[in-house]
Amino acid sequence: MIEVKNLSFSYSTDQPVFDEFNWSVERGEAWAILGPSGCGKSTLLYLLAGLRTPQQGQVLIDGKEMLQPRPNSGLIIQDFGLLPWATVKKNSELGFNIRRFYGPDGKHAPANAQSALGKVDQWLIRLGLSEQMDKFPGQLSGGQRQRTAIARTLALSPDLLLMDEPFSSLDAPTRESLQELVLQLWHEEQLTMITVTHSIEEAAILGRKILLLQQPPNHQVQVIHNPDMQQPGFRYSSAYQQICQHLRESI
């Protein structure tokens, strides 16, 4: 699904973040991107989202070069990205309204964009937000705000879900429950999922494959395989402890 070919990207001429970097992702895979602060985790995610473009090389999704945001990609950012003056329902309809403004041109919105609005209520109910539909973000808990951001994204039926440290500001019980929810949705919706995280434990939970980035420039791909992450009770297993230890030693 995703091909990163000979990618070079820098914010200045001093130090490239990526230099001749190659990476591929198959459809339906769950990846976590892990590494120290400043290594390029979020930069890579925004390159995949089409919000940044390489200086050299290509980012291809389904064989098409990413020169702008892709309609069938969903992006969930760290601070949820909710409009404080809009209700939960209005926030959840935001993506649909943007697509309706552009129209189904195949660049900003797919031809089936009109069907998305009917899915908003469905996702709000599915994510336990039916009683919060008329509330504003300031009236919600952190977990409810994040569920609203998830509902807004999934209502548009993406096939690629990109998440930038989505649970870092949440308390541990809420974070764990949302991690389990996202894994369930990944399986049900057959999504390709890529999560940027600074947490070793979260990478082990959300990534069947884990891309390790180092301090720039990143040249070579280092991948840690995590085949047991879908097993029941994985969070409490010895396999989980082992993969976390392996990640600590590898970073």
C-alpha atoms as a PDB file:
ATOM      1  CA  MET A   1       0.000   0.000   0.000  1.00  0.00           C
ATOM      2  CA  ILE A   2       2.750   2.468   0.992  1.00  0.00           C
ATOM      3  CA  GLU A   3       6.122   2.794  -0.695  1.00  0.00           C
ATOM      4  CA  VAL A   4       8.691   5.289   0.513  1.00  0.00           C
ATOM      5  CA  LYS A   5      11.419   5.454  -2.119  1.00  0.00           C
ATOM      6  CA  ASN A   6      14.778   7.185  -1.697  1.00  0.00           C
ATOM      7  CA  LEU A   7      13.168   9.775   0.575  1.00  0.00           C
ATOM      8  CA  SER A   8      15.218  12.822   1.524  1.00  0.00           C
ATOM      9  CA  PHE A   9      13.766  15.556   3.700  1.00  0.00           C
ATOM     10  CA  SER A  10      15.231  18.327   5.824  1.00  0.00           C
ATOM     11  CA  TYR A  11      14.052  21.473   7.565  1.00  0.00           C
ATOM     12  CA  SER A  12      17.383  23.200   6.926  1.00  0.00           C
ATOM     13  CA  THR A  13      20.559  22.626   4.975  1.00  0.00           C
ATOM     14  CA  ASP A  14      22.452  21.586   8.123  1.00  0.00           C
ATOM     15  CA  GLN A  15      21.078  18.145   8.868  1.00  0.00           C
ATOM     16  CA  PRO A  16      18.597  16.066   6.850  1.00  0.00           C
ATOM     17  CA  VAL A  17      15.958  14.189   8.815  1.00  0.00           C
ATOM     18  CA  PHE A  18      15.798  11.459   6.143  1.00  0.00           C
ATOM     19  CA  ASP A  19      18.446  10.723   3.560  1.00  0.00           C
ATOM     20  CA  GLU A  20      17.798   8.121   0.828  1.00  0.00           C
ATOM     21  CA  PHE A  21      15.282   6.418   3.126  1.00  0.00           C
ATOM     22  CA  ASN A  22      13.234   3.439   1.895  1.00  0.00           C
ATOM     23  CA  TRP A  23      10.291   1.769   3.645  1.00  0.00           C
ATOM     24  CA  SER A  24       7.161  -0.171   2.664  1.00  0.00           C
ATOM     25  CA  VAL A  25       3.850  -1.000   4.339  1.00  0.00           C
ATOM     26  CA  GLU A  26       1.405  -3.682   3.200  1.00  0.00           C
ATOM     27  CA  ARG A  27      -2.345  -3.117   3.247  1.00  0.00           C
ATOM     28  CA  GLY A  28      -3.966  -4.046   6.568  1.00  0.00           C
ATOM     29  CA  GLU A  29      -0.777  -3.899   8.619  1.00  0.00           C
ATOM     30  CA  ALA A  30      -0.466  -2.199  12.010  1.00  0.00           C
ATOM     31  CA  TRP A  31       2.777  -0.277  12.454  1.00  0.00           C
ATOM     32  CA  ALA A  32       4.168   1.788  15.296  1.00  0.00           C
ATOM     33  CA  ILE A  33       6.905   4.354  14.700  1.00  0.00           C
ATOM     34  CA  LEU A  34       9.186   4.698  17.721  1.00  0.00           C
ATOM     35  CA  GLY A  35      12.294   6.702  18.467  1.00  0.00           C
ATOM     36  CA  PRO A  36      13.800   9.544  20.517  1.00  0.00           C
ATOM     37  CA  SER A  37      12.527  13.119  20.359  1.00  0.00           C
ATOM     38  CA  GLY A  38      13.572  14.887  17.173  1.00  0.00           C
ATOM     39  CA  CYS A  39      14.210  11.696  15.201  1.00  0.00           C
ATOM     40  CA  GLY A  40      11.550  12.429  12.561  1.00  0.00           C
ATOM     41  CA  LYS A  41       8.580  10.334  13.706  1.00  0.00           C
ATOM     42  CA  SER A  42       5.940  13.024  13.178  1.00  0.00           C
ATOM     43  CA  THR A  43       7.723  14.284  10.065  1.00  0.00           C
ATOM     44  CA  LEU A  44       7.402  10.856   8.470  1.00  0.00           C
ATOM     45  CA  LEU A  45       3.718  10.683   9.411  1.00  0.00           C
ATOM     46  CA  TYR A  46       3.025  14.098   7.847  1.00  0.00           C
ATOM     47  CA  LEU A  47       4.869  13.032   4.706  1.00  0.00           C
ATOM     48  CA  LEU A  48       2.537  10.023   4.533  1.00  0.00           C
ATOM     49  CA  ALA A  49      -0.443  12.329   5.094  1.00  0.00           C
ATOM     50  CA  GLY A  50       0.615  14.597   2.231  1.00  0.00           C
ATOM     51  CA  LEU A  51       1.052  17.593   4.551  1.00  0.00           C
ATOM     52  CA  ARG A  52       4.749  17.739   3.707  1.00  0.00           C
ATOM     53  CA  THR A  53       6.537  16.801   0.504  1.00  0.00           C
ATOM     54  CA  PRO A  54      10.007  15.268   0.079  1.00  0.00           C
ATOM     55  CA  GLN A  55      12.897  17.287  -1.235  1.00  0.00           C
ATOM     56  CA  GLN A  56      13.946  14.128  -3.065  1.00  0.00           C
ATOM     57  CA  GLY A  57      12.400  10.730  -3.591  1.00  0.00           C
ATOM     58  CA  GLN A  58       8.752   9.718  -3.448  1.00  0.00           C
ATOM     59  CA  VAL A  59       5.994   8.688  -1.091  1.00  0.00           C
ATOM     60  CA  LEU A  60       3.550   6.440  -2.947  1.00  0.00           C
ATOM     61  CA  ILE A  61       0.195   5.178  -1.661  1.00  0.00           C
ATOM     62  CA  ASP A  62      -1.572   2.657  -3.861  1.00  0.00           C
ATOM     63  CA  GLY A  63       0.921   3.568  -6.555  1.00  0.00           C
ATOM     64  CA  LYS A  64       0.090   7.291  -6.534  1.00  0.00           C
ATOM     65  CA  GLU A  65       2.654   9.864  -5.508  1.00  0.00           C
ATOM     66  CA  MET A  66       1.650  11.925  -2.489  1.00  0.00           C
ATOM     67  CA  LEU A  67       1.636  15.561  -3.591  1.00  0.00           C
ATOM     68  CA  GLN A  68      -1.335  16.618  -1.443  1.00  0.00           C
ATOM     69  CA  PRO A  69      -3.554  15.110   1.280  1.00  0.00           C
ATOM     70  CA  ARG A  70      -5.302  11.922   0.225  1.00  0.00           C
ATOM     71  CA  PRO A  71      -9.109  11.676   0.674  1.00  0.00           C
ATOM     72  CA  ASN A  72      -9.023   8.102   1.976  1.00  0.00           C
ATOM     73  CA  SER A  73      -6.402   8.750   4.640  1.00  0.00           C
ATOM     74  CA  GLY A  74      -7.451   9.653   8.196  1.00  0.00           C
ATOM     75  CA  LEU A  75      -5.167  11.634  10.509  1.00  0.00           C
ATOM     76  CA  ILE A  76      -5.598  11.886  14.278  1.00  0.00           C
ATOM     77  CA  ILE A  77      -3.291  14.371  15.965  1.00  0.00           C
ATOM     78  CA  GLN A  78      -2.082  14.661  19.528  1.00  0.00           C
ATOM     79  CA  ASP A  79      -4.285  17.533  20.733  1.00  0.00           C
ATOM     80  CA  PHE A  80      -7.432  16.024  19.143  1.00  0.00           C
ATOM     81  CA  GLY A  81      -7.972  18.993  16.757  1.00  0.00           C
ATOM     82  CA  LEU A  82     -11.513  19.740  17.967  1.00  0.00           C
ATOM     83  CA  LEU A  83     -13.200  23.103  17.461  1.00  0.00           C
ATOM     84  CA  PRO A  84     -13.958  24.445  20.974  1.00  0.00           C
ATOM     85  CA  TRP A  85     -17.091  26.316  19.817  1.00  0.00           C
ATOM     86  CA  ALA A  86     -18.645  23.245  18.130  1.00  0.00           C
ATOM     87  CA  THR A  87     -20.554  20.398  19.744  1.00  0.00           C
ATOM     88  CA  VAL A  88     -19.414  16.792  19.644  1.00  0.00           C
ATOM     89  CA  LYS A  89     -21.763  16.122  16.752  1.00  0.00           C
ATOM     90  CA  LYS A  90     -20.681  19.210  14.800  1.00  0.00           C
ATOM     91  CA  ASN A  91     -17.019  18.336  15.354  1.00  0.00           C
ATOM     92  CA  SER A  92     -17.703  14.806  14.137  1.00  0.00           C
ATOM     93  CA  GLU A  93     -19.340  16.189  10.976  1.00  0.00           C
ATOM     94  CA  LEU A  94     -16.426  18.504  10.207  1.00  0.00           C
ATOM     95  CA  GLY A  95     -14.666  16.195   7.753  1.00  0.00           C
ATOM     96  CA  PHE A  96     -17.905  15.585   5.874  1.00  0.00           C
ATOM     97  CA  ASN A  97     -18.626  19.312   5.624  1.00  0.00           C
ATOM     98  CA  ILE A  98     -15.143  19.994   4.264  1.00  0.00           C
ATOM     99  CA  ARG A  99     -15.617  17.292   1.653  1.00  0.00           C
ATOM    100  CA  ARG A 100     -19.041  18.659   0.757  1.00  0.00           C
ATOM    101  CA  PHE A 101     -17.486  22.103   0.245  1.00  0.00           C
ATOM    102  CA  TYR A 102     -14.886  20.753  -2.185  1.00  0.00           C
ATOM    103  CA  GLY A 103     -17.207  18.294  -3.878  1.00  0.00           C
ATOM    104  CA  PRO A 104     -16.300  14.800  -5.095  1.00  0.00           C
ATOM    105  CA  ASP A 105     -13.414  15.802  -7.334  1.00  0.00           C
ATOM    106  CA  GLY A 106     -11.329  12.733  -6.534  1.00  0.00           C
ATOM    107  CA  LYS A 107      -8.612  14.921  -5.023  1.00  0.00           C
ATOM    108  CA  HIS A 108     -10.227  16.482  -1.971  1.00  0.00           C
ATOM    109  CA  ALA A 109     -13.197  14.145  -1.636  1.00  0.00           C
ATOM    110  CA  PRO A 110     -14.135  10.756  -3.091  1.00  0.00           C
ATOM    111  CA  ALA A 111     -17.356  10.282  -5.033  1.00  0.00           C
ATOM    112  CA  ASN A 112     -19.081   8.562  -2.096  1.00  0.00           C
ATOM    113  CA  ALA A 113     -18.487  11.472   0.304  1.00  0.00           C
ATOM    114  CA  GLN A 114     -22.219  12.152   0.605  1.00  0.00           C
ATOM    115  CA  SER A 115     -22.716   8.845   2.433  1.00  0.00           C
ATOM    116  CA  ALA A 116     -20.423   9.891   5.274  1.00  0.00           C
ATOM    117  CA  LEU A 117     -22.873  12.148   7.089  1.00  0.00           C
ATOM    118  CA  GLY A 118     -25.173   9.253   7.859  1.00  0.00           C
ATOM    119  CA  LYS A 119     -22.285   7.469   9.555  1.00  0.00           C
ATOM    120  CA  VAL A 120     -21.607  10.207  12.108  1.00  0.00           C
ATOM    121  CA  ASP A 121     -24.394   9.223  14.493  1.00  0.00           C
ATOM    122  CA  GLN A 122     -23.506   5.568  13.992  1.00  0.00           C
ATOM    123  CA  TRP A 123     -19.913   6.163  15.087  1.00  0.00           C
ATOM    124  CA  LEU A 124     -20.874   8.407  17.997  1.00  0.00           C
ATOM    125  CA  ILE A 125     -23.111   5.635  19.314  1.00  0.00           C
ATOM    126  CA  ARG A 126     -20.458   2.985  18.609  1.00  0.00           C
ATOM    127  CA  LEU A 127     -17.867   4.993  20.547  1.00  0.00           C
ATOM    128  CA  GLY A 128     -20.124   5.631  23.531  1.00  0.00           C
ATOM    129  CA  LEU A 129     -20.768   9.310  22.813  1.00  0.00           C
ATOM    130  CA  SER A 130     -24.530   9.273  22.251  1.00  0.00           C
ATOM    131  CA  GLU A 131     -25.165  11.211  25.487  1.00  0.00           C
ATOM    132  CA  GLN A 132     -22.425  13.753  24.697  1.00  0.00           C
ATOM    133  CA  MET A 133     -23.542  14.716  21.167  1.00  0.00           C
ATOM    134  CA  ASP A 134     -24.687  18.204  22.198  1.00  0.00           C
ATOM    135  CA  LYS A 135     -21.794  18.949  24.540  1.00  0.00           C
ATOM    136  CA  PHE A 136     -18.759  21.094  23.746  1.00  0.00           C
ATOM    137  CA  PRO A 137     -15.138  19.871  23.998  1.00  0.00           C
ATOM    138  CA  GLY A 138     -14.600  21.843  27.211  1.00  0.00           C
ATOM    139  CA  GLN A 139     -17.333  19.769  28.832  1.00  0.00           C
ATOM    140  CA  LEU A 140     -15.710  16.437  27.946  1.00  0.00           C
ATOM    141  CA  SER A 141     -13.051  14.273  29.518  1.00  0.00           C
ATOM    142  CA  GLY A 142      -9.817  13.666  27.627  1.00  0.00           C
ATOM    143  CA  GLY A 143     -10.989  10.216  26.618  1.00  0.00           C
ATOM    144  CA  GLN A 144     -14.285  11.575  25.298  1.00  0.00           C
ATOM    145  CA  ARG A 145     -12.461  14.234  23.270  1.00  0.00           C
ATOM    146  CA  GLN A 146     -10.236  11.579  21.746  1.00  0.00           C
ATOM    147  CA  ARG A 147     -13.244   9.383  20.957  1.00  0.00           C
ATOM    148  CA  THR A 148     -14.799  12.363  19.186  1.00  0.00           C
ATOM    149  CA  ALA A 149     -11.675  12.757  17.071  1.00  0.00           C
ATOM    150  CA  ILE A 150     -11.805   9.040  16.237  1.00  0.00           C
ATOM    151  CA  ALA A 151     -15.502   9.274  15.301  1.00  0.00           C
ATOM    152  CA  ARG A 152     -14.816  12.253  13.015  1.00  0.00           C
ATOM    153  CA  THR A 153     -12.090  10.295  11.247  1.00  0.00           C
ATOM    154  CA  LEU A 154     -13.812   6.924  10.900  1.00  0.00           C
ATOM    155  CA  ALA A 155     -17.074   8.474   9.678  1.00  0.00           C
ATOM    156  CA  LEU A 156     -15.227   9.208   6.426  1.00  0.00           C
ATOM    157  CA  SER A 157     -14.379   5.504   5.917  1.00  0.00           C
ATOM    158  CA  PRO A 158     -10.593   5.815   5.583  1.00  0.00           C
ATOM    159  CA  ASP A 159      -8.501   2.840   4.551  1.00  0.00           C
ATOM    160  CA  LEU A 160      -5.338   4.328   6.092  1.00  0.00           C
ATOM    161  CA  LEU A 161      -5.330   5.590   9.688  1.00  0.00           C
ATOM    162  CA  LEU A 162      -2.413   7.793  10.749  1.00  0.00           C
ATOM    163  CA  MET A 163      -2.106   8.709  14.436  1.00  0.00           C
ATOM    164  CA  ASP A 164       0.414  11.092  16.000  1.00  0.00           C
ATOM    165  CA  GLU A 165       0.852  10.257  19.706  1.00  0.00           C
ATOM    166  CA  PRO A 166      -2.937  10.090  20.068  1.00  0.00           C
ATOM    167  CA  PHE A 167      -3.087   8.998  23.715  1.00  0.00           C
ATOM    168  CA  SER A 168      -0.035  10.675  25.255  1.00  0.00           C
ATOM    169  CA  SER A 169      -2.008  13.222  27.299  1.00  0.00           C
ATOM    170  CA  LEU A 170      -4.457  10.705  28.787  1.00  0.00           C
ATOM    171  CA  ASP A 171      -4.339   8.912  32.126  1.00  0.00           C
ATOM    172  CA  ALA A 172      -3.224   5.278  32.097  1.00  0.00           C
ATOM    173  CA  PRO A 173      -6.660   3.557  32.365  1.00  0.00           C
ATOM    174  CA  THR A 174      -8.154   5.772  29.641  1.00  0.00           C
ATOM    175  CA  ARG A 175      -5.095   5.302  27.448  1.00  0.00           C
ATOM    176  CA  GLU A 176      -5.252   1.525  27.744  1.00  0.00           C
ATOM    177  CA  SER A 177      -8.988   1.373  27.023  1.00  0.00           C
ATOM    178  CA  LEU A 178      -8.569   3.521  23.895  1.00  0.00           C
ATOM    179  CA  GLN A 179      -5.636   1.423  22.734  1.00  0.00           C
ATOM    180  CA  GLU A 180      -7.852  -1.656  22.941  1.00  0.00           C
ATOM    181  CA  LEU A 181     -10.657   0.196  21.145  1.00  0.00           C
ATOM    182  CA  VAL A 182      -8.375   1.267  18.305  1.00  0.00           C
ATOM    183  CA  LEU A 183      -7.087  -2.285  17.884  1.00  0.00           C
ATOM    184  CA  GLN A 184     -10.652  -3.546  17.702  1.00  0.00           C
ATOM    185  CA  LEU A 185     -11.555  -0.932  15.093  1.00  0.00           C
ATOM    186  CA  TRP A 186      -8.400  -1.705  13.099  1.00  0.00           C
ATOM    187  CA  HIS A 187      -9.472  -5.343  12.934  1.00  0.00           C
ATOM    188  CA  GLU A 188     -13.164  -4.656  12.222  1.00  0.00           C
ATOM    189  CA  GLU A 189     -12.606  -1.998   9.562  1.00  0.00           C
ATOM    190  CA  GLN A 190      -9.569  -3.719   7.997  1.00  0.00           C
ATOM    191  CA  LEU A 191      -7.550  -0.538   8.262  1.00  0.00           C
ATOM    192  CA  THR A 192      -3.902   0.015   7.594  1.00  0.00           C
ATOM    193  CA  MET A 193      -2.783   1.721  10.821  1.00  0.00           C
ATOM    194  CA  ILE A 194       0.387   3.673  11.575  1.00  0.00           C
ATOM    195  CA  THR A 195       0.900   5.140  15.041  1.00  0.00           C
ATOM    196  CA  VAL A 196       3.668   7.518  16.080  1.00  0.00           C
ATOM    197  CA  THR A 197       4.519   7.146  19.740  1.00  0.00           C
ATOM    198  CA  HIS A 198       7.319   7.923  22.169  1.00  0.00           C
ATOM    199  CA  SER A 199       6.184   5.114  24.473  1.00  0.00           C
ATOM    200  CA  ILE A 200       7.848   1.713  24.217  1.00  0.00           C
ATOM    201  CA  GLU A 201       4.846   0.082  25.885  1.00  0.00           C
ATOM    202  CA  GLU A 202       2.384   1.678  23.464  1.00  0.00           C
ATOM    203  CA  ALA A 203       4.484   0.677  20.453  1.00  0.00           C
ATOM    204  CA  ALA A 204       4.390  -2.924  21.675  1.00  0.00           C
ATOM    205  CA  ILE A 205       0.592  -2.807  21.989  1.00  0.00           C
ATOM    206  CA  LEU A 206      -0.265  -1.036  18.714  1.00  0.00           C
ATOM    207  CA  GLY A 207       2.440  -2.207  16.331  1.00  0.00           C
ATOM    208  CA  ARG A 208       2.632  -5.651  14.822  1.00  0.00           C
ATOM    209  CA  LYS A 209       5.675  -4.176  13.148  1.00  0.00           C
ATOM    210  CA  ILE A 210       7.655  -1.402  14.819  1.00  0.00           C
ATOM    211  CA  LEU A 211       9.783   1.034  12.828  1.00  0.00           C
ATOM    212  CA  LEU A 212      12.681   2.333  14.904  1.00  0.00           C
ATOM    213  CA  LEU A 213      14.060   5.733  13.973  1.00  0.00           C
ATOM    214  CA  GLN A 214      17.327   7.086  15.319  1.00  0.00           C
ATOM    215  CA  GLN A 215      18.747  10.569  15.560  1.00  0.00           C
ATOM    216  CA  PRO A 216      18.926  12.129  12.082  1.00  0.00           C
ATOM    217  CA  PRO A 217      19.820  11.534   9.429  1.00  0.00           C
ATOM    218  CA  ASN A 218      17.839   8.316   9.043  1.00  0.00           C
ATOM    219  CA  HIS A 219      19.269   6.183   6.244  1.00  0.00           C
ATOM    220  CA  GLN A 220      18.350   2.574   6.933  1.00  0.00           C
ATOM    221  CA  VAL A 221      15.120   0.961   8.045  1.00  0.00           C
ATOM    222  CA  GLN A 222      15.195  -0.904  11.345  1.00  0.00           C
ATOM    223  CA  VAL A 223      12.085  -3.012  11.912  1.00  0.00           C
ATOM    224  CA  ILE A 224      11.160  -5.003  15.021  1.00  0.00           C
ATOM    225  CA  HIS A 225       8.551  -7.706  14.410  1.00  0.00           C
ATOM    226  CA  ASN A 226       5.889  -8.196  17.075  1.00  0.00           C
ATOM    227  CA  PRO A 227       3.790 -11.177  15.874  1.00  0.00           C
ATOM    228  CA  ASP A 228       2.110 -11.859  19.235  1.00  0.00           C
ATOM    229  CA  MET A 229       0.445  -8.442  19.624  1.00  0.00           C
ATOM    230  CA  GLN A 230      -2.976  -9.781  18.578  1.00  0.00           C
ATOM    231  CA  GLN A 231      -2.990 -12.635  21.059  1.00  0.00           C
ATOM    232  CA  PRO A 232      -5.585 -12.430  23.892  1.00  0.00           C
ATOM    233  CA  GLY A 233      -4.078 -11.028  27.078  1.00  0.00           C
ATOM    234  CA  PHE A 234      -0.914  -9.924  25.263  1.00  0.00           C
ATOM    235  CA  ARG A 235      -0.520  -6.870  27.528  1.00  0.00           C
ATOM    236  CA  TYR A 236      -0.021  -9.178  30.509  1.00  0.00           C
ATOM    237  CA  SER A 237       2.106 -11.833  28.803  1.00  0.00           C
ATOM    238  CA  SER A 238       5.791 -12.653  28.912  1.00  0.00           C
ATOM    239  CA  ALA A 239       5.917 -11.977  25.157  1.00  0.00           C
ATOM    240  CA  TYR A 240       4.903  -8.375  25.852  1.00  0.00           C
ATOM    241  CA  GLN A 241       7.643  -7.984  28.454  1.00  0.00           C
ATOM    242  CA  GLN A 242      10.174  -9.452  26.062  1.00  0.00           C
ATOM    243  CA  ILE A 243       9.289  -7.170  23.160  1.00  0.00           C
ATOM    244  CA  CYS A 244       9.414  -4.115  25.453  1.00  0.00           C
ATOM    245  CA  GLN A 245      12.866  -5.151  26.654  1.00  0.00           C
ATOM    246  CA  HIS A 246      13.990  -5.731  23.075  1.00  0.00           C
ATOM    247  CA  LEU A 247      12.797  -2.244  22.106  1.00  0.00           C
ATOM    248  CA  ARG A 248      14.617  -0.652  25.055  1.00  0.00           C
ATOM    249  CA  GLU A 249      17.835  -2.334  24.011  1.00  0.00           C
ATOM    250  CA  SER A 250      17.377  -1.356  20.354  1.00  0.00           C
ATOM    251  CA  ILE A 251      16.686   2.359  20.724  1.00  0.00           C
END
